[in-house]
Amino acid sequence: MWSESNNHGFENEQDYIFSRKKEDSYTFTYSFEFIEKNHGNDNYDIGLADMVVRVDWSDSEVGYTVTYDVPEMHRIDPSQGNGDAASFYEYEVSSLLESDLDNLGIGYDLRAF
């Protein structure tokens, strides 16, 4: 982490962060489970869907930003007890993404999300 006393040879933190930038973008695909059919009494048919997550460098945000899409969201029925894409990202995918980014050397200080 950059500080005035340990500036790593850079005038400001923004220049330091820019120097640590990796690739411009990354794309990940994660599978997650959803309730295909809720029969009641804790009896469910479970389906699998994929979430495509894109991580892009943003000069204006001075870090990586994230966007995601579930191409088969039409298969996921909220009336069966499912959430929306944002809830699947938050509860099923975000921790997997964070681990993958850590493994690539993209720490929290490089993330604008």
Protein backbone atom coordinates (compact mmCIF):
# COMPACT_ATOMS: atom_id res chain seq x y z
CA MET A 1 0.00 0.00 0.00
CA TRP A 2 1.23 3.48 -0.87
CA SER A 3 1.88 6.13 1.76
CA GLU A 4 3.84 9.38 1.78
CA SER A 5 6.55 7.78 3.91
CA ASN A 6 6.67 4.62 1.76
CA ASN A 7 5.87 5.92 -1.71
CA HIS A 8 7.48 3.05 -3.67
CA GLY A 9 9.07 5.70 -5.93
CA PHE A 10 5.74 7.27 -7.00
CA GLU A 11 4.56 10.83 -6.42
CA ASN A 12 1.01 9.82 -5.52
CA GLU A 13 -1.12 6.78 -4.76
CA GLN A 14 -2.92 6.93 -8.12
CA ASP A 15 0.37 6.56 -10.04
CA TYR A 16 1.34 3.69 -7.75
CA ILE A 17 -1.97 1.89 -8.36
CA PHE A 18 -1.67 2.41 -12.13
CA SER A 19 1.79 0.80 -11.96
CA ARG A 20 0.28 -2.33 -10.38
CA LYS A 21 -2.38 -2.77 -13.08
CA LYS A 22 -2.37 -6.22 -14.68
CA GLU A 23 -4.27 -7.03 -17.90
CA ASP A 24 -7.00 -4.68 -19.18
CA SER A 25 -9.81 -7.22 -18.69
CA TYR A 26 -10.66 -10.71 -17.53
CA THR A 27 -13.70 -12.90 -18.10
CA PHE A 28 -14.79 -15.66 -15.72
CA THR A 29 -17.70 -18.09 -15.86
CA TYR A 30 -19.10 -19.54 -12.65
CA SER A 31 -21.82 -22.15 -12.28
CA PHE A 32 -24.34 -21.78 -9.49
CA GLU A 33 -27.38 -23.67 -8.27
CA PHE A 34 -30.94 -22.38 -8.34
CA ILE A 35 -34.33 -23.82 -7.41
CA GLU A 36 -35.78 -25.24 -10.59
CA LYS A 37 -38.94 -26.50 -8.89
CA ASN A 38 -40.02 -25.99 -5.30
CA HIS A 39 -42.22 -28.91 -4.25
CA GLY A 40 -42.60 -27.59 -0.68
CA ASN A 41 -41.50 -29.11 2.64
CA ASP A 42 -37.82 -28.52 1.79
CA ASN A 43 -38.11 -30.66 -1.34
CA TYR A 44 -36.52 -29.00 -4.38
CA ASP A 45 -35.38 -29.81 -7.88
CA ILE A 46 -32.07 -28.02 -8.34
CA GLY A 47 -30.83 -26.60 -11.63
CA LEU A 48 -27.48 -25.18 -12.69
CA ALA A 49 -26.89 -21.90 -14.49
CA ASP A 50 -23.79 -19.94 -15.43
CA MET A 51 -22.87 -16.39 -14.59
CA VAL A 52 -20.41 -14.64 -16.86
CA VAL A 53 -18.37 -12.09 -14.92
CA ARG A 54 -16.23 -9.48 -16.65
CA VAL A 55 -13.57 -7.55 -14.77
CA ASP A 56 -12.28 -4.47 -16.62
CA TRP A 57 -9.67 -1.88 -15.77
CA SER A 58 -11.15 1.62 -15.47
CA ASP A 59 -8.80 4.60 -15.63
CA SER A 60 -11.53 6.87 -14.26
CA GLU A 61 -12.19 4.56 -11.29
CA VAL A 62 -8.45 3.83 -10.89
CA GLY A 63 -9.11 0.15 -10.49
CA TYR A 64 -10.95 -2.85 -11.79
CA THR A 65 -14.73 -2.80 -12.13
CA VAL A 66 -17.05 -5.77 -12.42
CA THR A 67 -20.12 -6.53 -14.54
CA TYR A 68 -22.02 -9.79 -14.73
CA ASP A 69 -24.70 -11.49 -16.76
CA VAL A 70 -26.71 -14.69 -16.45
CA PRO A 71 -27.44 -15.70 -20.07
CA GLU A 72 -30.12 -18.17 -18.97
CA MET A 73 -31.84 -15.94 -16.43
CA HIS A 74 -35.13 -16.72 -18.16
CA ARG A 75 -34.90 -20.25 -16.69
CA ILE A 76 -34.76 -18.92 -13.12
CA ASP A 77 -38.25 -18.34 -11.76
CA PRO A 78 -38.48 -16.00 -8.76
CA SER A 79 -41.80 -17.61 -7.74
CA GLN A 80 -39.87 -20.80 -6.97
CA GLY A 81 -37.85 -18.98 -4.28
CA ASN A 82 -34.98 -17.67 -6.41
CA GLY A 83 -33.45 -14.23 -6.28
CA ASP A 84 -32.28 -12.01 -9.10
CA ALA A 85 -28.86 -11.94 -10.77
CA ALA A 86 -27.54 -9.52 -8.13
CA SER A 87 -28.40 -11.89 -5.29
CA PHE A 88 -26.78 -14.85 -7.06
CA TYR A 89 -23.67 -12.71 -7.56
CA GLU A 90 -23.62 -11.62 -3.92
CA TYR A 91 -24.30 -15.01 -2.30
CA GLU A 92 -22.90 -17.52 -4.80
CA VAL A 93 -20.28 -15.91 -7.04
CA SER A 94 -18.53 -12.92 -5.43
CA SER A 95 -16.37 -14.99 -3.07
CA LEU A 96 -15.26 -17.20 -5.97
CA LEU A 97 -14.36 -14.13 -8.02
CA GLU A 98 -12.45 -12.57 -5.14
CA SER A 99 -10.41 -15.75 -4.72
CA ASP A 100 -9.62 -15.88 -8.45
CA LEU A 101 -8.60 -12.21 -8.45
CA ASP A 102 -6.39 -12.76 -5.39
CA ASN A 103 -4.71 -15.64 -7.24
CA LEU A 104 -4.03 -13.29 -10.17
CA GLY A 105 -2.44 -10.74 -7.83
CA ILE A 106 -5.37 -8.32 -8.07
CA GLY A 107 -5.88 -7.34 -4.45
CA TYR A 108 -8.52 -5.16 -2.86
CA ASP A 109 -6.48 -2.03 -3.47
CA LEU A 110 -6.83 -2.58 -7.23
CA ARG A 111 -10.59 -3.18 -7.11
CA ALA A 112 -13.08 -0.36 -7.60
CA PHE A 113 -16.01 -2.53 -6.46
